[in-house]
Amino acid sequence: MEQAFVPETRSVYFQTVMAVTKRKYRDPIAVEQGRRLKKQREARDMTQEALAKLIGYRQSAVGNWEAGVRRIRHEEAEKLAEVLGLPSAYFLGAISEQEARVIQTIRNGSD
């Protein structure tokens, strides 16, 4: 009777390469979203914890967005937009900061 094939465990080298690769890779969209969020939060002298509390999330979520670990989803962008006073499209990366300011100016002028 033949023995069943049992794959060898992955080498230490392979495991190390995979661990380093996963740590260093950041989704470019998530990184840009995080950069935008951090810029706006810091411009308002707000901590991650304070922002998280205002939008109903944990500080770790805000930290993950800013670090580019996780993308900001639409519903999260809506909450950020409400608190930080910019369109959600800005936090999703769909429009520039200049376009966001124009939109906000138009919205504020129509109130």
N, C-alpha and C. Protein backbone atom coordinates (compact mmCIF):
# COMPACT_ATOMS: atom_id res chain seq x y z
N MET A 1 0.85 -1.19 0.00
CA MET A 1 0.00 0.00 0.00
C MET A 1 0.89 1.25 0.00
N GLU A 2 0.57 2.19 -0.88
CA GLU A 2 1.36 3.41 -0.99
C GLU A 2 0.94 4.41 0.07
N GLN A 3 1.93 5.17 0.49
CA GLN A 3 1.63 6.22 1.47
C GLN A 3 1.08 7.44 0.74
N ALA A 4 0.18 8.13 1.38
CA ALA A 4 -0.37 9.36 0.80
C ALA A 4 0.69 10.45 0.83
N PHE A 5 0.64 11.30 -0.17
CA PHE A 5 1.58 12.39 -0.25
C PHE A 5 1.25 13.42 0.83
N VAL A 6 2.24 13.77 1.62
CA VAL A 6 2.07 14.77 2.67
C VAL A 6 3.03 15.91 2.36
N PRO A 7 2.49 17.07 1.99
CA PRO A 7 3.39 18.19 1.65
C PRO A 7 4.22 18.60 2.86
N GLU A 8 5.45 18.98 2.58
CA GLU A 8 6.31 19.45 3.65
C GLU A 8 5.81 20.81 4.14
N THR A 9 6.15 21.10 5.35
CA THR A 9 5.78 22.42 5.85
C THR A 9 6.61 23.45 5.12
N ARG A 10 6.11 24.62 5.01
CA ARG A 10 6.81 25.68 4.29
C ARG A 10 8.10 26.01 5.01
N SER A 11 9.08 26.35 4.24
CA SER A 11 10.38 26.67 4.81
C SER A 11 10.32 27.95 5.63
N VAL A 12 11.26 28.08 6.52
CA VAL A 12 11.35 29.29 7.34
C VAL A 12 11.57 30.49 6.44
N TYR A 13 12.38 30.33 5.40
CA TYR A 13 12.64 31.41 4.46
C TYR A 13 11.33 31.88 3.82
N PHE A 14 10.52 30.93 3.33
CA PHE A 14 9.26 31.26 2.69
C PHE A 14 8.33 31.99 3.66
N GLN A 15 8.23 31.50 4.87
CA GLN A 15 7.38 32.13 5.87
C GLN A 15 7.84 33.54 6.18
N THR A 16 9.15 33.74 6.25
CA THR A 16 9.70 35.06 6.54
C THR A 16 9.40 36.03 5.40
N VAL A 17 9.62 35.58 4.17
CA VAL A 17 9.35 36.43 3.00
C VAL A 17 7.89 36.82 2.97
N MET A 18 7.00 35.89 3.20
CA MET A 18 5.56 36.19 3.18
C MET A 18 5.18 37.17 4.29
N ALA A 19 5.74 37.00 5.47
CA ALA A 19 5.43 37.90 6.58
C ALA A 19 5.89 39.31 6.27
N VAL A 20 7.09 39.46 5.75
CA VAL A 20 7.62 40.79 5.43
C VAL A 20 6.82 41.42 4.30
N THR A 21 6.49 40.64 3.28
CA THR A 21 5.74 41.15 2.14
C THR A 21 4.37 41.66 2.59
N LYS A 22 3.69 40.90 3.42
CA LYS A 22 2.37 41.32 3.89
C LYS A 22 2.45 42.59 4.71
N ARG A 23 3.49 42.71 5.50
CA ARG A 23 3.63 43.89 6.35
C ARG A 23 3.91 45.14 5.54
N LYS A 24 4.74 45.02 4.52
CA LYS A 24 5.17 46.19 3.77
C LYS A 24 4.16 46.64 2.72
N TYR A 25 3.36 45.72 2.18
CA TYR A 25 2.44 46.09 1.11
C TYR A 25 1.27 46.89 1.67
N ARG A 26 1.00 48.00 1.03
CA ARG A 26 -0.18 48.80 1.36
C ARG A 26 -0.91 49.10 0.06
N ASP A 27 -2.20 48.95 0.09
CA ASP A 27 -3.04 49.27 -1.05
C ASP A 27 -2.89 50.76 -1.35
N PRO A 28 -2.49 51.14 -2.56
CA PRO A 28 -2.28 52.56 -2.87
C PRO A 28 -3.51 53.42 -2.64
N ILE A 29 -4.68 52.87 -2.89
CA ILE A 29 -5.91 53.64 -2.66
C ILE A 29 -6.11 53.88 -1.17
N ALA A 30 -5.91 52.84 -0.37
CA ALA A 30 -6.04 52.97 1.09
C ALA A 30 -5.01 53.95 1.64
N VAL A 31 -3.81 53.93 1.09
CA VAL A 31 -2.76 54.85 1.55
C VAL A 31 -3.17 56.29 1.25
N GLU A 32 -3.69 56.55 0.06
CA GLU A 32 -4.11 57.91 -0.30
C GLU A 32 -5.29 58.36 0.54
N GLN A 33 -6.24 57.46 0.77
CA GLN A 33 -7.38 57.80 1.63
C GLN A 33 -6.88 58.16 3.03
N GLY A 34 -5.96 57.37 3.55
CA GLY A 34 -5.42 57.61 4.88
C GLY A 34 -4.66 58.93 4.97
N ARG A 35 -3.91 59.25 3.93
CA ARG A 35 -3.18 60.51 3.90
C ARG A 35 -4.15 61.70 3.96
N ARG A 36 -5.21 61.60 3.19
CA ARG A 36 -6.22 62.67 3.17
C ARG A 36 -6.90 62.81 4.52
N LEU A 37 -7.28 61.68 5.10
CA LEU A 37 -7.95 61.71 6.39
C LEU A 37 -7.05 62.32 7.46
N LYS A 38 -5.82 61.87 7.52
CA LYS A 38 -4.89 62.37 8.54
C LYS A 38 -4.66 63.86 8.39
N LYS A 39 -4.50 64.32 7.15
CA LYS A 39 -4.30 65.75 6.89
C LYS A 39 -5.47 66.58 7.42
N GLN A 40 -6.68 66.13 7.15
CA GLN A 40 -7.86 66.88 7.59
C GLN A 40 -8.05 66.81 9.10
N ARG A 41 -7.78 65.65 9.67
CA ARG A 41 -7.91 65.50 11.13
C ARG A 41 -6.90 66.40 11.84
N GLU A 42 -5.66 66.36 11.40
CA GLU A 42 -4.62 67.17 12.04
C GLU A 42 -4.85 68.67 11.83
N ALA A 43 -5.42 69.05 10.71
CA ALA A 43 -5.72 70.47 10.45
C ALA A 43 -6.74 71.01 11.45
N ARG A 44 -7.49 70.11 12.05
CA ARG A 44 -8.50 70.50 13.04
C ARG A 44 -8.03 70.22 14.47
N ASP A 45 -6.74 69.93 14.63
CA ASP A 45 -6.15 69.61 15.94
C ASP A 45 -6.97 68.56 16.69
N MET A 46 -7.32 67.50 15.98
CA MET A 46 -8.15 66.45 16.54
C MET A 46 -7.31 65.17 16.66
N THR A 47 -7.51 64.44 17.74
CA THR A 47 -6.82 63.15 17.90
C THR A 47 -7.61 62.07 17.17
N GLN A 48 -6.95 60.95 16.92
CA GLN A 48 -7.66 59.81 16.33
C GLN A 48 -8.79 59.37 17.24
N GLU A 49 -8.54 59.37 18.53
CA GLU A 49 -9.56 58.93 19.49
C GLU A 49 -10.78 59.86 19.47
N ALA A 50 -10.54 61.17 19.41
CA ALA A 50 -11.65 62.13 19.38
C ALA A 50 -12.48 61.96 18.11
N LEU A 51 -11.80 61.79 16.97
CA LEU A 51 -12.52 61.59 15.71
C LEU A 51 -13.31 60.29 15.76
N ALA A 52 -12.69 59.25 16.26
CA ALA A 52 -13.37 57.95 16.34
C ALA A 52 -14.64 58.05 17.18
N LYS A 53 -14.55 58.76 18.27
CA LYS A 53 -15.71 58.91 19.14
C LYS A 53 -16.85 59.65 18.43
N LEU A 54 -16.49 60.69 17.66
CA LEU A 54 -17.49 61.48 16.94
C LEU A 54 -18.21 60.69 15.85
N ILE A 55 -17.51 59.74 15.23
CA ILE A 55 -18.13 58.97 14.15
C ILE A 55 -18.63 57.61 14.60
N GLY A 56 -18.40 57.27 15.88
CA GLY A 56 -18.92 56.02 16.41
C GLY A 56 -18.08 54.79 16.08
N TYR A 57 -16.79 54.99 15.92
CA TYR A 57 -15.86 53.88 15.65
C TYR A 57 -14.78 53.87 16.72
N ARG A 58 -13.97 52.83 16.70
CA ARG A 58 -12.83 52.74 17.63
C ARG A 58 -11.64 53.50 17.06
N GLN A 59 -10.75 53.90 17.95
CA GLN A 59 -9.53 54.59 17.53
C GLN A 59 -8.72 53.72 16.59
N SER A 60 -8.73 52.42 16.79
CA SER A 60 -7.96 51.52 15.93
C SER A 60 -8.44 51.56 14.48
N ALA A 61 -9.73 51.78 14.27
CA ALA A 61 -10.25 51.89 12.91
C ALA A 61 -9.67 53.12 12.22
N VAL A 62 -9.68 54.25 12.92
CA VAL A 62 -9.12 55.49 12.37
C VAL A 62 -7.63 55.30 12.10
N GLY A 63 -6.93 54.66 13.02
CA GLY A 63 -5.51 54.40 12.84
C GLY A 63 -5.24 53.50 11.63
N ASN A 64 -6.06 52.49 11.44
CA ASN A 64 -5.91 51.60 10.28
C ASN A 64 -6.17 52.32 8.97
N TRP A 65 -7.16 53.21 8.95
CA TRP A 65 -7.42 53.99 7.74
C TRP A 65 -6.23 54.90 7.43
N GLU A 66 -5.75 55.59 8.44
CA GLU A 66 -4.65 56.53 8.24
C GLU A 66 -3.36 55.83 7.84
N ALA A 67 -3.15 54.62 8.33
CA ALA A 67 -1.94 53.86 8.01
C ALA A 67 -2.04 53.17 6.65
N GLY A 68 -3.22 53.21 6.03
CA GLY A 68 -3.40 52.56 4.75
C GLY A 68 -3.58 51.06 4.86
N VAL A 69 -3.94 50.59 6.04
CA VAL A 69 -4.17 49.16 6.26
C VAL A 69 -5.53 48.75 5.71
N ARG A 70 -6.51 49.63 5.86
CA ARG A 70 -7.88 49.37 5.39
C ARG A 70 -8.38 50.56 4.58
N ARG A 71 -9.15 50.25 3.55
CA ARG A 71 -9.81 51.31 2.78
C ARG A 71 -10.99 51.86 3.56
N ILE A 72 -11.29 53.12 3.32
CA ILE A 72 -12.47 53.75 3.90
C ILE A 72 -13.65 53.38 3.00
N ARG A 73 -14.68 52.79 3.59
CA ARG A 73 -15.88 52.43 2.83
C ARG A 73 -16.81 53.64 2.73
N HIS A 74 -17.79 53.52 1.84
CA HIS A 74 -18.70 54.64 1.58
C HIS A 74 -19.40 55.13 2.85
N GLU A 75 -19.95 54.20 3.63
CA GLU A 75 -20.69 54.63 4.82
C GLU A 75 -19.77 55.29 5.85
N GLU A 76 -18.51 54.86 5.89
CA GLU A 76 -17.54 55.48 6.79
C GLU A 76 -17.17 56.87 6.29
N ALA A 77 -17.03 56.99 4.97
CA ALA A 77 -16.72 58.29 4.37
C ALA A 77 -17.83 59.30 4.63
N GLU A 78 -19.07 58.83 4.62
CA GLU A 78 -20.20 59.72 4.89
C GLU A 78 -20.11 60.30 6.31
N LYS A 79 -19.77 59.46 7.27
CA LYS A 79 -19.63 59.93 8.66
C LYS A 79 -18.46 60.89 8.80
N LEU A 80 -17.34 60.56 8.16
CA LEU A 80 -16.18 61.45 8.20
C LEU A 80 -16.50 62.79 7.56
N ALA A 81 -17.23 62.76 6.46
CA ALA A 81 -17.60 63.99 5.76
C ALA A 81 -18.45 64.89 6.64
N GLU A 82 -19.37 64.28 7.36
CA GLU A 82 -20.25 65.05 8.24
C GLU A 82 -19.46 65.74 9.35
N VAL A 83 -18.53 65.02 9.94
CA VAL A 83 -17.76 65.54 11.07
C VAL A 83 -16.69 66.53 10.62
N LEU A 84 -16.02 66.22 9.50
CA LEU A 84 -14.89 67.05 9.07
C LEU A 84 -15.28 68.14 8.06
N GLY A 85 -16.52 68.12 7.60
CA GLY A 85 -17.02 69.21 6.76
C GLY A 85 -16.55 69.21 5.32
N LEU A 86 -16.26 68.04 4.79
CA LEU A 86 -15.90 67.92 3.38
C LEU A 86 -16.76 66.84 2.75
N PRO A 87 -16.91 66.85 1.42
CA PRO A 87 -17.71 65.80 0.77
C PRO A 87 -17.09 64.42 0.97
N SER A 88 -17.93 63.41 1.05
CA SER A 88 -17.43 62.04 1.22
C SER A 88 -16.56 61.61 0.05
N ALA A 89 -16.81 62.15 -1.13
CA ALA A 89 -16.02 61.80 -2.32
C ALA A 89 -14.55 62.15 -2.12
N TYR A 90 -14.27 63.17 -1.32
CA TYR A 90 -12.88 63.53 -1.05
C TYR A 90 -12.17 62.41 -0.29
N PHE A 91 -12.81 61.85 0.72
CA PHE A 91 -12.20 60.80 1.52
C PHE A 91 -12.10 59.48 0.74
N LEU A 92 -12.95 59.31 -0.25
CA LEU A 92 -12.89 58.11 -1.08
C LEU A 92 -11.87 58.26 -2.21
N GLY A 93 -11.33 59.47 -2.38
CA GLY A 93 -10.32 59.70 -3.40
C GLY A 93 -10.87 60.05 -4.76
N ALA A 94 -12.16 60.35 -4.83
CA ALA A 94 -12.80 60.63 -6.12
C ALA A 94 -12.60 62.07 -6.59
N ILE A 95 -12.36 62.98 -5.65
CA ILE A 95 -12.14 64.38 -6.01
C ILE A 95 -10.96 64.93 -5.23
N SER A 96 -10.39 66.02 -5.74
CA SER A 96 -9.24 66.64 -5.08
C SER A 96 -9.71 67.51 -3.92
N GLU A 97 -8.75 67.95 -3.12
CA GLU A 97 -9.08 68.84 -2.00
C GLU A 97 -9.66 70.15 -2.52
N GLN A 98 -9.09 70.65 -3.60
CA GLN A 98 -9.60 71.91 -4.18
C GLN A 98 -11.05 71.76 -4.63
N GLU A 99 -11.36 70.64 -5.30
CA GLU A 99 -12.74 70.40 -5.72
C GLU A 99 -13.66 70.24 -4.51
N ALA A 100 -13.18 69.61 -3.48
CA ALA A 100 -13.97 69.42 -2.26
C ALA A 100 -14.30 70.78 -1.62
N ARG A 101 -13.31 71.67 -1.61
CA ARG A 101 -13.53 73.01 -1.04
C ARG A 101 -14.57 73.79 -1.85
N VAL A 102 -14.51 73.67 -3.16
CA VAL A 102 -15.48 74.36 -4.01
C VAL A 102 -16.89 73.84 -3.73
N ILE A 103 -17.02 72.54 -3.67
CA ILE A 103 -18.33 71.93 -3.38
C ILE A 103 -18.84 72.39 -2.02
N GLN A 104 -17.95 72.40 -1.02
CA GLN A 104 -18.36 72.80 0.33
C GLN A 104 -18.79 74.28 0.34
N THR A 105 -18.06 75.11 -0.39
CA THR A 105 -18.42 76.54 -0.47
C THR A 105 -19.80 76.72 -1.10
N ILE A 106 -20.06 75.98 -2.16
CA ILE A 106 -21.37 76.05 -2.82
C ILE A 106 -22.46 75.58 -1.87
N ARG A 107 -22.23 74.48 -1.18
CA ARG A 107 -23.22 73.97 -0.22
C ARG A 107 -23.48 74.97 0.89
N ASN A 108 -22.44 75.57 1.43
CA ASN A 108 -22.60 76.53 2.52
C ASN A 108 -23.29 77.79 2.04
N GLY A 109 -23.10 78.16 0.79
CA GLY A 109 -23.74 79.35 0.24
C GLY A 109 -25.22 79.15 0.00
N SER A 110 -25.65 77.91 -0.14
CA SER A 110 -27.07 77.63 -0.42
C SER A 110 -27.88 77.39 0.84
N ASP A 111 -27.22 77.44 2.00
CA ASP A 111 -27.94 77.23 3.28
C ASP A 111 -28.78 78.42 3.67
